Amino acid sequence: MIQTHISLPSTNSRPRFGLIIIGDEILSGKRADKHLVKVIELLKARGLQLDYAEYVGDSPEQITINLKRAFASGDVIFSTGGIGATPDDHTRQCAAKALNVELLLQPEAKILIEQRMQDLAQEQGKVYVPDQADNQHRLNMGVFPVGSQIIPNPYNKIPGFSWGSVYFVPGFPVMAWPMIEWVLDTHYRQFYESQAWLELSVIVFGAMEATLTPLMQEIERQHAGTKVFSLPSVDHPQYGRHIELGVKGTPDAAALAYAALLTGLKQFGVTLGPELVRS
């Protein structure tokens, strides 16, 4: 498992958003992950942000551990991959184990999967036979932990599922991304405008991070709901050695915190370069 951030308790009314990316093919390098960048983009377009992400291989034990933590967190978490019906797909079973509930063919999922099989048969000029072995096997893709709700799949009707605020989608981007958008637009639209995110920063020359750390801590202490960040660079093609120092938060809070940051920097006698704004 590679964990890019550790989940912490929420500090405001905006839900925390997490991402779990499952699959040996990602960790082995056979496929490059595309979900992380896209989920950040989908959230940002709605004034939201990704708080943490995890990569997990196809280990049932590790997947169960991660999902147990996800269900307990109360965060909004998207899990991609492993919800198919092949031997290396473990996510549905691990979710049930993490919740300590049984697996059950979800009635709505059954209908959607049968519709998909009928469509396939028609496309191939064949007669749909429900009791055919491969058709019966495909129904396993609708076997979810008891209490699950479906996530519609506009690509091929095979649904994902959710349990609480943890949302499970396929690993295929063409399916996963519109399903994640559906979840956001259906369940979290109320957070879009009120929690728009703004990032303000300045290029600082001639300073060390350790010297600026007390100022950064003081800004976060005085301006609740904002985060201060420091991005040092030693070989930037344009600025050379420098630190990009900034704040991020809701527009009003970020503006106040950034003004305080600029005022605080004056005491260090540093040289300030361009100012950057990202939303």
C-alpha atoms as a PDB file:
ATOM      1  CA  MET A   1       0.000   0.000   0.000  1.00  0.00           C
ATOM      2  CA  ILE A   2       1.143   3.538  -0.798  1.00  0.00           C
ATOM      3  CA  GLN A   3      -0.638   6.151   1.287  1.00  0.00           C
ATOM      4  CA  THR A   4      -0.230   9.737   0.156  1.00  0.00           C
ATOM      5  CA  HIS A   5      -1.962  11.316   3.140  1.00  0.00           C
ATOM      6  CA  ILE A   6      -3.186  10.254   6.568  1.00  0.00           C
ATOM      7  CA  SER A   7      -6.855  10.836   7.294  1.00  0.00           C
ATOM      8  CA  LEU A   8      -7.514  13.350  10.057  1.00  0.00           C
ATOM      9  CA  PRO A   9     -10.785  14.476  11.657  1.00  0.00           C
ATOM     10  CA  SER A  10     -12.764  17.078   9.733  1.00  0.00           C
ATOM     11  CA  THR A  11     -12.288  20.649  10.908  1.00  0.00           C
ATOM     12  CA  ASN A  12     -15.267  22.289   9.180  1.00  0.00           C
ATOM     13  CA  SER A  13     -18.714  21.536   7.793  1.00  0.00           C
ATOM     14  CA  ARG A  14     -17.369  20.573   4.393  1.00  0.00           C
ATOM     15  CA  PRO A  15     -17.027  16.802   4.179  1.00  0.00           C
ATOM     16  CA  ARG A  16     -13.541  15.412   3.702  1.00  0.00           C
ATOM     17  CA  PHE A  17     -13.010  13.614   0.409  1.00  0.00           C
ATOM     18  CA  GLY A  18     -10.783  10.576   0.010  1.00  0.00           C
ATOM     19  CA  LEU A  19      -9.817   8.249  -2.812  1.00  0.00           C
ATOM     20  CA  ILE A  20      -8.790   4.576  -2.732  1.00  0.00           C
ATOM     21  CA  ILE A  21      -7.295   3.213  -5.963  1.00  0.00           C
ATOM     22  CA  ILE A  22      -7.210  -0.589  -6.034  1.00  0.00           C
ATOM     23  CA  GLY A  23      -5.259  -2.829  -8.381  1.00  0.00           C
ATOM     24  CA  ASP A  24      -1.968  -4.678  -8.737  1.00  0.00           C
ATOM     25  CA  GLU A  25      -1.614  -3.289 -12.250  1.00  0.00           C
ATOM     26  CA  ILE A  26      -1.136   0.209 -10.821  1.00  0.00           C
ATOM     27  CA  LEU A  27       1.474  -0.784  -8.253  1.00  0.00           C
ATOM     28  CA  SER A  28       3.346  -2.965 -10.754  1.00  0.00           C
ATOM     29  CA  GLY A  29       3.504  -0.182 -13.313  1.00  0.00           C
ATOM     30  CA  LYS A  30       1.574  -2.101 -15.978  1.00  0.00           C
ATOM     31  CA  ARG A  31      -0.920   0.735 -16.029  1.00  0.00           C
ATOM     32  CA  ALA A  32      -0.498   4.368 -15.075  1.00  0.00           C
ATOM     33  CA  ASP A  33      -3.093   5.663 -12.655  1.00  0.00           C
ATOM     34  CA  LYS A  34      -5.372   8.292 -14.168  1.00  0.00           C
ATOM     35  CA  HIS A  35      -7.909   8.505 -11.350  1.00  0.00           C
ATOM     36  CA  LEU A  36      -6.017  10.720  -8.910  1.00  0.00           C
ATOM     37  CA  VAL A  37      -5.573  13.661 -11.268  1.00  0.00           C
ATOM     38  CA  LYS A  38      -9.129  13.318 -12.623  1.00  0.00           C
ATOM     39  CA  VAL A  39     -10.810  13.131  -9.214  1.00  0.00           C
ATOM     40  CA  ILE A  40      -8.890  16.227  -8.116  1.00  0.00           C
ATOM     41  CA  GLU A  41     -10.170  17.931 -11.286  1.00  0.00           C
ATOM     42  CA  LEU A  42     -13.783  16.831 -10.741  1.00  0.00           C
ATOM     43  CA  LEU A  43     -13.763  18.067  -7.155  1.00  0.00           C
ATOM     44  CA  LYS A  44     -12.011  21.336  -7.994  1.00  0.00           C
ATOM     45  CA  ALA A  45     -14.592  22.106 -10.684  1.00  0.00           C
ATOM     46  CA  ARG A  46     -17.178  22.005  -7.911  1.00  0.00           C
ATOM     47  CA  GLY A  47     -15.274  24.096  -5.380  1.00  0.00           C
ATOM     48  CA  LEU A  48     -14.156  21.002  -3.449  1.00  0.00           C
ATOM     49  CA  GLN A  49     -10.795  19.358  -2.820  1.00  0.00           C
ATOM     50  CA  LEU A  50      -9.346  15.908  -2.350  1.00  0.00           C
ATOM     51  CA  ASP A  51      -8.010  15.489   1.181  1.00  0.00           C
ATOM     52  CA  TYR A  52      -6.128  12.189   0.812  1.00  0.00           C
ATOM     53  CA  ALA A  53      -5.557   9.214  -1.473  1.00  0.00           C
ATOM     54  CA  GLU A  54      -4.368   5.624  -1.082  1.00  0.00           C
ATOM     55  CA  TYR A  55      -3.100   2.983  -3.494  1.00  0.00           C
ATOM     56  CA  VAL A  56      -3.791  -0.652  -2.639  1.00  0.00           C
ATOM     57  CA  GLY A  57      -2.866  -3.861  -4.461  1.00  0.00           C
ATOM     58  CA  ASP A  58      -5.175  -6.829  -4.975  1.00  0.00           C
ATOM     59  CA  SER A  59      -4.615  -8.169  -1.459  1.00  0.00           C
ATOM     60  CA  PRO A  60      -7.933  -9.042   0.245  1.00  0.00           C
ATOM     61  CA  GLU A  61      -6.388  -8.550   3.677  1.00  0.00           C
ATOM     62  CA  GLN A  62      -5.071  -5.081   2.881  1.00  0.00           C
ATOM     63  CA  ILE A  63      -8.205  -4.026   1.019  1.00  0.00           C
ATOM     64  CA  THR A  64     -10.325  -5.056   4.024  1.00  0.00           C
ATOM     65  CA  ILE A  65      -8.118  -3.048   6.388  1.00  0.00           C
ATOM     66  CA  ASN A  66      -8.368   0.051   4.211  1.00  0.00           C
ATOM     67  CA  LEU A  67     -12.126  -0.276   3.763  1.00  0.00           C
ATOM     68  CA  LYS A  68     -12.744  -0.823   7.453  1.00  0.00           C
ATOM     69  CA  ARG A  69     -10.934   2.448   8.103  1.00  0.00           C
ATOM     70  CA  ALA A  70     -12.874   4.137   5.296  1.00  0.00           C
ATOM     71  CA  PHE A  71     -16.280   3.112   6.658  1.00  0.00           C
ATOM     72  CA  ALA A  72     -15.327   4.269  10.153  1.00  0.00           C
ATOM     73  CA  SER A  73     -14.003   7.645   8.999  1.00  0.00           C
ATOM     74  CA  GLY A  74     -17.284   9.305   8.082  1.00  0.00           C
ATOM     75  CA  ASP A  75     -15.500  10.828   5.082  1.00  0.00           C
ATOM     76  CA  VAL A  76     -16.760  10.787   1.513  1.00  0.00           C
ATOM     77  CA  ILE A  77     -14.512   8.200  -0.116  1.00  0.00           C
ATOM     78  CA  PHE A  78     -14.405   6.928  -3.676  1.00  0.00           C
ATOM     79  CA  SER A  79     -12.957   3.462  -4.270  1.00  0.00           C
ATOM     80  CA  THR A  80     -11.988   2.510  -7.820  1.00  0.00           C
ATOM     81  CA  GLY A  81     -11.384  -0.998  -9.108  1.00  0.00           C
ATOM     82  CA  GLY A  82     -11.938  -4.588  -8.066  1.00  0.00           C
ATOM     83  CA  ILE A  83     -15.748  -4.710  -8.236  1.00  0.00           C
ATOM     84  CA  GLY A  84     -15.955  -7.115 -11.182  1.00  0.00           C
ATOM     85  CA  ALA A  85     -16.541 -10.864 -11.021  1.00  0.00           C
ATOM     86  CA  THR A  86     -13.125 -12.281 -11.941  1.00  0.00           C
ATOM     87  CA  PRO A  87     -10.839 -14.077  -9.444  1.00  0.00           C
ATOM     88  CA  ASP A  88      -8.671 -10.991  -8.907  1.00  0.00           C
ATOM     89  CA  ASP A  89     -11.663  -8.784  -8.016  1.00  0.00           C
ATOM     90  CA  HIS A  90     -11.996  -8.680  -4.227  1.00  0.00           C
ATOM     91  CA  THR A  91     -13.502  -5.289  -3.392  1.00  0.00           C
ATOM     92  CA  ARG A  92     -17.136  -6.337  -2.977  1.00  0.00           C
ATOM     93  CA  GLN A  93     -16.222  -9.236  -0.708  1.00  0.00           C
ATOM     94  CA  CYS A  94     -13.766  -7.142   1.303  1.00  0.00           C
ATOM     95  CA  ALA A  95     -16.354  -4.408   1.791  1.00  0.00           C
ATOM     96  CA  ALA A  96     -18.804  -6.937   3.236  1.00  0.00           C
ATOM     97  CA  LYS A  97     -16.107  -8.332   5.507  1.00  0.00           C
ATOM     98  CA  ALA A  98     -15.108  -4.858   6.680  1.00  0.00           C
ATOM     99  CA  LEU A  99     -18.748  -4.120   7.510  1.00  0.00           C
ATOM    100  CA  ASN A 100     -19.402  -7.569   8.979  1.00  0.00           C
ATOM    101  CA  VAL A 101     -22.479  -8.033   6.782  1.00  0.00           C
ATOM    102  CA  GLU A 102     -23.535 -10.610   4.206  1.00  0.00           C
ATOM    103  CA  LEU A 103     -23.324 -10.296   0.436  1.00  0.00           C
ATOM    104  CA  LEU A 104     -26.611 -10.257  -1.465  1.00  0.00           C
ATOM    105  CA  LEU A 105     -27.697  -9.824  -5.080  1.00  0.00           C
ATOM    106  CA  GLN A 106     -29.104  -6.297  -5.006  1.00  0.00           C
ATOM    107  CA  PRO A 107     -32.513  -6.355  -6.750  1.00  0.00           C
ATOM    108  CA  GLU A 108     -32.025  -3.128  -8.718  1.00  0.00           C
ATOM    109  CA  ALA A 109     -28.546  -4.216  -9.764  1.00  0.00           C
ATOM    110  CA  LYS A 110     -29.974  -7.529 -10.988  1.00  0.00           C
ATOM    111  CA  ILE A 111     -32.435  -5.727 -13.238  1.00  0.00           C
ATOM    112  CA  LEU A 112     -29.754  -3.468 -14.701  1.00  0.00           C
ATOM    113  CA  ILE A 113     -27.331  -6.330 -15.336  1.00  0.00           C
ATOM    114  CA  GLU A 114     -30.060  -8.373 -17.026  1.00  0.00           C
ATOM    115  CA  GLN A 115     -30.889  -5.373 -19.216  1.00  0.00           C
ATOM    116  CA  ARG A 116     -27.232  -5.149 -20.186  1.00  0.00           C
ATOM    117  CA  MET A 117     -27.105  -8.859 -21.059  1.00  0.00           C
ATOM    118  CA  GLN A 118     -30.240  -8.503 -23.183  1.00  0.00           C
ATOM    119  CA  ASP A 119     -28.668  -5.544 -24.997  1.00  0.00           C
ATOM    120  CA  LEU A 120     -25.508  -7.564 -25.663  1.00  0.00           C
ATOM    121  CA  ALA A 121     -27.475 -10.514 -27.001  1.00  0.00           C
ATOM    122  CA  GLN A 122     -29.439  -8.227 -29.304  1.00  0.00           C
ATOM    123  CA  GLU A 123     -26.259  -6.527 -30.560  1.00  0.00           C
ATOM    124  CA  GLN A 124     -24.769  -9.948 -31.352  1.00  0.00           C
ATOM    125  CA  GLY A 125     -27.936 -11.232 -33.000  1.00  0.00           C
ATOM    126  CA  LYS A 126     -28.415 -13.898 -30.324  1.00  0.00           C
ATOM    127  CA  VAL A 127     -31.279 -14.954 -28.095  1.00  0.00           C
ATOM    128  CA  TYR A 128     -30.892 -13.940 -24.455  1.00  0.00           C
ATOM    129  CA  VAL A 129     -30.944 -17.036 -22.228  1.00  0.00           C
ATOM    130  CA  PRO A 130     -31.126 -15.963 -18.543  1.00  0.00           C
ATOM    131  CA  ASP A 131     -30.106 -19.377 -17.176  1.00  0.00           C
ATOM    132  CA  GLN A 132     -27.023 -19.632 -19.369  1.00  0.00           C
ATOM    133  CA  ALA A 133     -23.907 -20.142 -17.245  1.00  0.00           C
ATOM    134  CA  ASP A 134     -22.084 -16.968 -18.307  1.00  0.00           C
ATOM    135  CA  ASN A 135     -25.206 -14.864 -17.782  1.00  0.00           C
ATOM    136  CA  GLN A 136     -25.648 -16.276 -14.294  1.00  0.00           C
ATOM    137  CA  HIS A 137     -22.001 -15.516 -13.558  1.00  0.00           C
ATOM    138  CA  ARG A 138     -22.410 -11.893 -14.636  1.00  0.00           C
ATOM    139  CA  LEU A 139     -25.043 -11.436 -11.942  1.00  0.00           C
ATOM    140  CA  ASN A 140     -22.201 -11.676  -9.419  1.00  0.00           C
ATOM    141  CA  MET A 141     -21.347  -8.096 -10.381  1.00  0.00           C
ATOM    142  CA  GLY A 142     -24.530  -7.081  -8.572  1.00  0.00           C
ATOM    143  CA  VAL A 143     -23.767  -8.991  -5.383  1.00  0.00           C
ATOM    144  CA  PHE A 144     -23.108  -6.221  -2.860  1.00  0.00           C
ATOM    145  CA  PRO A 145     -22.943  -5.911   0.936  1.00  0.00           C
ATOM    146  CA  VAL A 146     -26.397  -5.921   2.486  1.00  0.00           C
ATOM    147  CA  GLY A 147     -27.652  -2.340   2.749  1.00  0.00           C
ATOM    148  CA  SER A 148     -25.873  -1.114  -0.361  1.00  0.00           C
ATOM    149  CA  GLN A 149     -27.302   1.399  -2.793  1.00  0.00           C
ATOM    150  CA  ILE A 150     -26.446   1.333  -6.485  1.00  0.00           C
ATOM    151  CA  ILE A 151     -24.471   3.913  -8.451  1.00  0.00           C
ATOM    152  CA  PRO A 152     -25.758   4.075 -12.041  1.00  0.00           C
ATOM    153  CA  ASN A 153     -23.273   3.383 -14.813  1.00  0.00           C
ATOM    154  CA  PRO A 154     -24.140   5.352 -17.980  1.00  0.00           C
ATOM    155  CA  TYR A 155     -21.563   3.470 -20.047  1.00  0.00           C
ATOM    156  CA  ASN A 156     -22.884  -0.092 -19.879  1.00  0.00           C
ATOM    157  CA  LYS A 157     -25.528  -0.180 -17.098  1.00  0.00           C
ATOM    158  CA  ILE A 158     -23.415  -2.437 -14.806  1.00  0.00           C
ATOM    159  CA  PRO A 159     -23.778  -0.483 -11.555  1.00  0.00           C
ATOM    160  CA  GLY A 160     -21.377   0.393  -8.828  1.00  0.00           C
ATOM    161  CA  PHE A 161     -22.534   0.551  -5.229  1.00  0.00           C
ATOM    162  CA  SER A 162     -22.288   2.628  -2.100  1.00  0.00           C
ATOM    163  CA  TRP A 163     -22.519   1.916   1.566  1.00  0.00           C
ATOM    164  CA  GLY A 164     -22.815   4.991   3.752  1.00  0.00           C
ATOM    165  CA  SER A 165     -20.507   7.632   2.305  1.00  0.00           C
ATOM    166  CA  VAL A 166     -18.101   5.173   0.653  1.00  0.00           C
ATOM    167  CA  TYR A 167     -18.670   4.843  -3.089  1.00  0.00           C
ATOM    168  CA  PHE A 168     -17.405   1.937  -5.200  1.00  0.00           C
ATOM    169  CA  VAL A 169     -16.900   2.328  -8.949  1.00  0.00           C
ATOM    170  CA  PRO A 170     -15.083   0.297 -11.619  1.00  0.00           C
ATOM    171  CA  GLY A 171     -11.432   0.794 -12.423  1.00  0.00           C
ATOM    172  CA  PHE A 172     -12.167   1.808 -16.023  1.00  0.00           C
ATOM    173  CA  PRO A 173     -12.037   5.623 -16.289  1.00  0.00           C
ATOM    174  CA  VAL A 174     -14.744   5.743 -18.965  1.00  0.00           C
ATOM    175  CA  MET A 175     -17.140   4.272 -16.399  1.00  0.00           C
ATOM    176  CA  ALA A 176     -15.698   5.529 -13.112  1.00  0.00           C
ATOM    177  CA  TRP A 177     -15.521   9.234 -13.839  1.00  0.00           C
ATOM    178  CA  PRO A 178     -19.157   9.867 -14.842  1.00  0.00           C
ATOM    179  CA  MET A 179     -20.244   7.703 -11.903  1.00  0.00           C
ATOM    180  CA  ILE A 180     -18.195   9.835  -9.499  1.00  0.00           C
ATOM    181  CA  GLU A 181     -19.685  12.967 -11.049  1.00  0.00           C
ATOM    182  CA  TRP A 182     -23.167  11.514 -10.512  1.00  0.00           C
ATOM    183  CA  VAL A 183     -22.410  10.919  -6.832  1.00  0.00           C
ATOM    184  CA  LEU A 184     -21.112  14.456  -6.351  1.00  0.00           C
ATOM    185  CA  ASP A 185     -23.977  16.109  -8.213  1.00  0.00           C
ATOM    186  CA  THR A 186     -26.621  13.946  -6.548  1.00  0.00           C
ATOM    187  CA  HIS A 187     -25.438  13.955  -2.937  1.00  0.00           C
ATOM    188  CA  TYR A 188     -22.997  16.821  -2.360  1.00  0.00           C
ATOM    189  CA  ARG A 189     -24.197  19.729  -4.471  1.00  0.00           C
ATOM    190  CA  GLN A 190     -25.018  21.733  -1.341  1.00  0.00           C
ATOM    191  CA  PHE A 191     -21.308  22.158  -0.659  1.00  0.00           C
ATOM    192  CA  TYR A 192     -20.378  23.513  -4.078  1.00  0.00           C
ATOM    193  CA  GLU A 193     -20.769  27.274  -3.851  1.00  0.00           C
ATOM    194  CA  SER A 194     -20.556  27.837  -0.114  1.00  0.00           C
ATOM    195  CA  GLN A 195     -17.229  26.041   0.123  1.00  0.00           C
ATOM    196  CA  ALA A 196     -15.450  27.301  -3.016  1.00  0.00           C
ATOM    197  CA  TRP A 197     -11.696  26.972  -2.577  1.00  0.00           C
ATOM    198  CA  LEU A 198      -9.120  29.690  -3.273  1.00  0.00           C
ATOM    199  CA  GLU A 199      -5.335  29.420  -3.187  1.00  0.00           C
ATOM    200  CA  LEU A 200      -3.108  32.505  -2.877  1.00  0.00           C
ATOM    201  CA  SER A 201       0.679  32.323  -2.833  1.00  0.00           C
ATOM    202  CA  VAL A 202       3.864  34.292  -3.366  1.00  0.00           C
ATOM    203  CA  ILE A 203       7.347  33.341  -4.554  1.00  0.00           C
ATOM    204  CA  VAL A 204       9.841  33.929  -1.729  1.00  0.00           C
ATOM    205  CA  PHE A 205      13.578  34.263  -2.356  1.00  0.00           C
ATOM    206  CA  GLY A 206      16.359  34.086   0.208  1.00  0.00           C
ATOM    207  CA  ALA A 207      14.529  32.215   2.982  1.00  0.00           C
ATOM    208  CA  MET A 208      14.623  28.814   4.652  1.00  0.00           C
ATOM    209  CA  GLU A 209      11.485  26.831   5.471  1.00  0.00           C
ATOM    210  CA  ALA A 210      12.571  26.341   9.076  1.00  0.00           C
ATOM    211  CA  THR A 211      12.808  30.113   9.516  1.00  0.00           C
ATOM    212  CA  LEU A 212       9.307  30.668   8.131  1.00  0.00           C
ATOM    213  CA  THR A 213       7.639  27.799  10.001  1.00  0.00           C
ATOM    214  CA  PRO A 214       6.665  29.837  13.115  1.00  0.00           C
ATOM    215  CA  LEU A 215       4.909  32.375  10.882  1.00  0.00           C
ATOM    216  CA  MET A 216       3.072  29.600   9.042  1.00  0.00           C
ATOM    217  CA  GLN A 217       1.914  28.090  12.327  1.00  0.00           C
ATOM    218  CA  GLU A 218       0.742  31.450  13.605  1.00  0.00           C
ATOM    219  CA  ILE A 219      -1.266  32.139  10.441  1.00  0.00           C
ATOM    220  CA  GLU A 220      -3.092  28.795  10.742  1.00  0.00           C
ATOM    221  CA  ARG A 221      -3.730  29.417  14.442  1.00  0.00           C
ATOM    222  CA  GLN A 222      -5.237  32.857  13.827  1.00  0.00           C
ATOM    223  CA  HIS A 223      -7.195  31.931  10.716  1.00  0.00           C
ATOM    224  CA  ALA A 224      -9.260  28.817  11.351  1.00  0.00           C
ATOM    225  CA  GLY A 225     -10.361  26.913   8.278  1.00  0.00           C
ATOM    226  CA  THR A 226      -7.346  27.886   6.180  1.00  0.00           C
ATOM    227  CA  LYS A 227      -4.202  25.918   5.412  1.00  0.00           C
ATOM    228  CA  VAL A 228      -0.728  27.328   4.902  1.00  0.00           C
ATOM    229  CA  PHE A 229       1.544  25.547   2.440  1.00  0.00           C
ATOM    230  CA  SER A 230       5.219  25.754   1.551  1.00  0.00           C
ATOM    231  CA  LEU A 231       6.615  24.382  -1.718  1.00  0.00           C
ATOM    232  CA  PRO A 232      10.422  24.711  -1.887  1.00  0.00           C
ATOM    233  CA  SER A 233      12.305  24.362  -5.155  1.00  0.00           C
ATOM    234  CA  VAL A 234      16.045  24.266  -5.794  1.00  0.00           C
ATOM    235  CA  ASP A 235      16.144  24.194  -9.599  1.00  0.00           C
ATOM    236  CA  HIS A 236      13.009  25.842 -10.942  1.00  0.00           C
ATOM    237  CA  PRO A 237      13.551  26.794 -14.636  1.00  0.00           C
ATOM    238  CA  GLN A 238      12.138  30.286 -14.085  1.00  0.00           C
ATOM    239  CA  TYR A 239      12.692  31.202 -10.445  1.00  0.00           C
ATOM    240  CA  GLY A 240      15.658  29.052  -9.464  1.00  0.00           C
ATOM    241  CA  ARG A 241      15.960  28.383  -5.724  1.00  0.00           C
ATOM    242  CA  HIS A 242      12.858  29.685  -3.988  1.00  0.00           C
ATOM    243  CA  ILE A 243       9.855  28.834  -1.795  1.00  0.00           C
ATOM    244  CA  GLU A 244       6.268  29.195  -2.945  1.00  0.00           C
ATOM    245  CA  LEU A 245       4.500  30.185   0.263  1.00  0.00           C
ATOM    246  CA  GLY A 246       0.747  30.493   0.378  1.00  0.00           C
ATOM    247  CA  VAL A 247      -2.627  29.855   1.936  1.00  0.00           C
ATOM    248  CA  LYS A 248      -5.765  28.068   0.782  1.00  0.00           C
ATOM    249  CA  GLY A 249      -9.323  28.098   2.027  1.00  0.00           C
ATOM    250  CA  THR A 250     -12.677  29.696   1.287  1.00  0.00           C
ATOM    251  CA  PRO A 251     -12.231  32.983  -0.609  1.00  0.00           C
ATOM    252  CA  ASP A 252     -12.863  35.360   2.286  1.00  0.00           C
ATOM    253  CA  ALA A 253     -10.816  33.352   4.780  1.00  0.00           C
ATOM    254  CA  ALA A 254      -7.955  32.870   2.332  1.00  0.00           C
ATOM    255  CA  ALA A 255      -7.797  36.580   1.521  1.00  0.00           C
ATOM    256  CA  LEU A 256      -7.502  37.541   5.191  1.00  0.00           C
ATOM    257  CA  ALA A 257      -4.913  34.863   5.916  1.00  0.00           C
ATOM    258  CA  TYR A 258      -2.869  35.816   2.862  1.00  0.00           C
ATOM    259  CA  ALA A 259      -2.784  39.490   3.864  1.00  0.00           C
ATOM    260  CA  ALA A 260      -1.511  38.434   7.280  1.00  0.00           C
ATOM    261  CA  LEU A 261       1.097  36.208   5.636  1.00  0.00           C
ATOM    262  CA  LEU A 262       2.462  39.055   3.503  1.00  0.00           C
ATOM    263  CA  THR A 263       2.611  41.332   6.529  1.00  0.00           C
ATOM    264  CA  GLY A 264       4.434  38.676   8.525  1.00  0.00           C
ATOM    265  CA  LEU A 265       7.020  38.113   5.788  1.00  0.00           C
ATOM    266  CA  LYS A 266       8.229  41.717   6.072  1.00  0.00           C
ATOM    267  CA  GLN A 267      10.036  40.952   9.330  1.00  0.00           C
ATOM    268  CA  PHE A 268      12.323  38.444   7.613  1.00  0.00           C
ATOM    269  CA  GLY A 269      13.807  40.822   5.048  1.00  0.00           C
ATOM    270  CA  VAL A 270      13.162  38.377   2.203  1.00  0.00           C
ATOM    271  CA  THR A 271      12.688  39.211  -1.452  1.00  0.00           C
ATOM    272  CA  LEU A 272       9.201  38.554  -2.807  1.00  0.00           C
ATOM    273  CA  GLY A 273       8.535  37.566  -6.392  1.00  0.00           C
ATOM    274  CA  PRO A 274       5.309  37.020  -8.347  1.00  0.00           C
ATOM    275  CA  GLU A 275       2.032  36.373  -6.584  1.00  0.00           C
ATOM    276  CA  LEU A 276      -0.115  33.446  -7.752  1.00  0.00           C
ATOM    277  CA  VAL A 277      -3.872  32.877  -7.597  1.00  0.00           C
ATOM    278  CA  ARG A 278      -5.539  29.515  -8.150  1.00  0.00           C
ATOM    279  CA  SER A 279      -9.194  28.640  -7.736  1.00  0.00           C
END
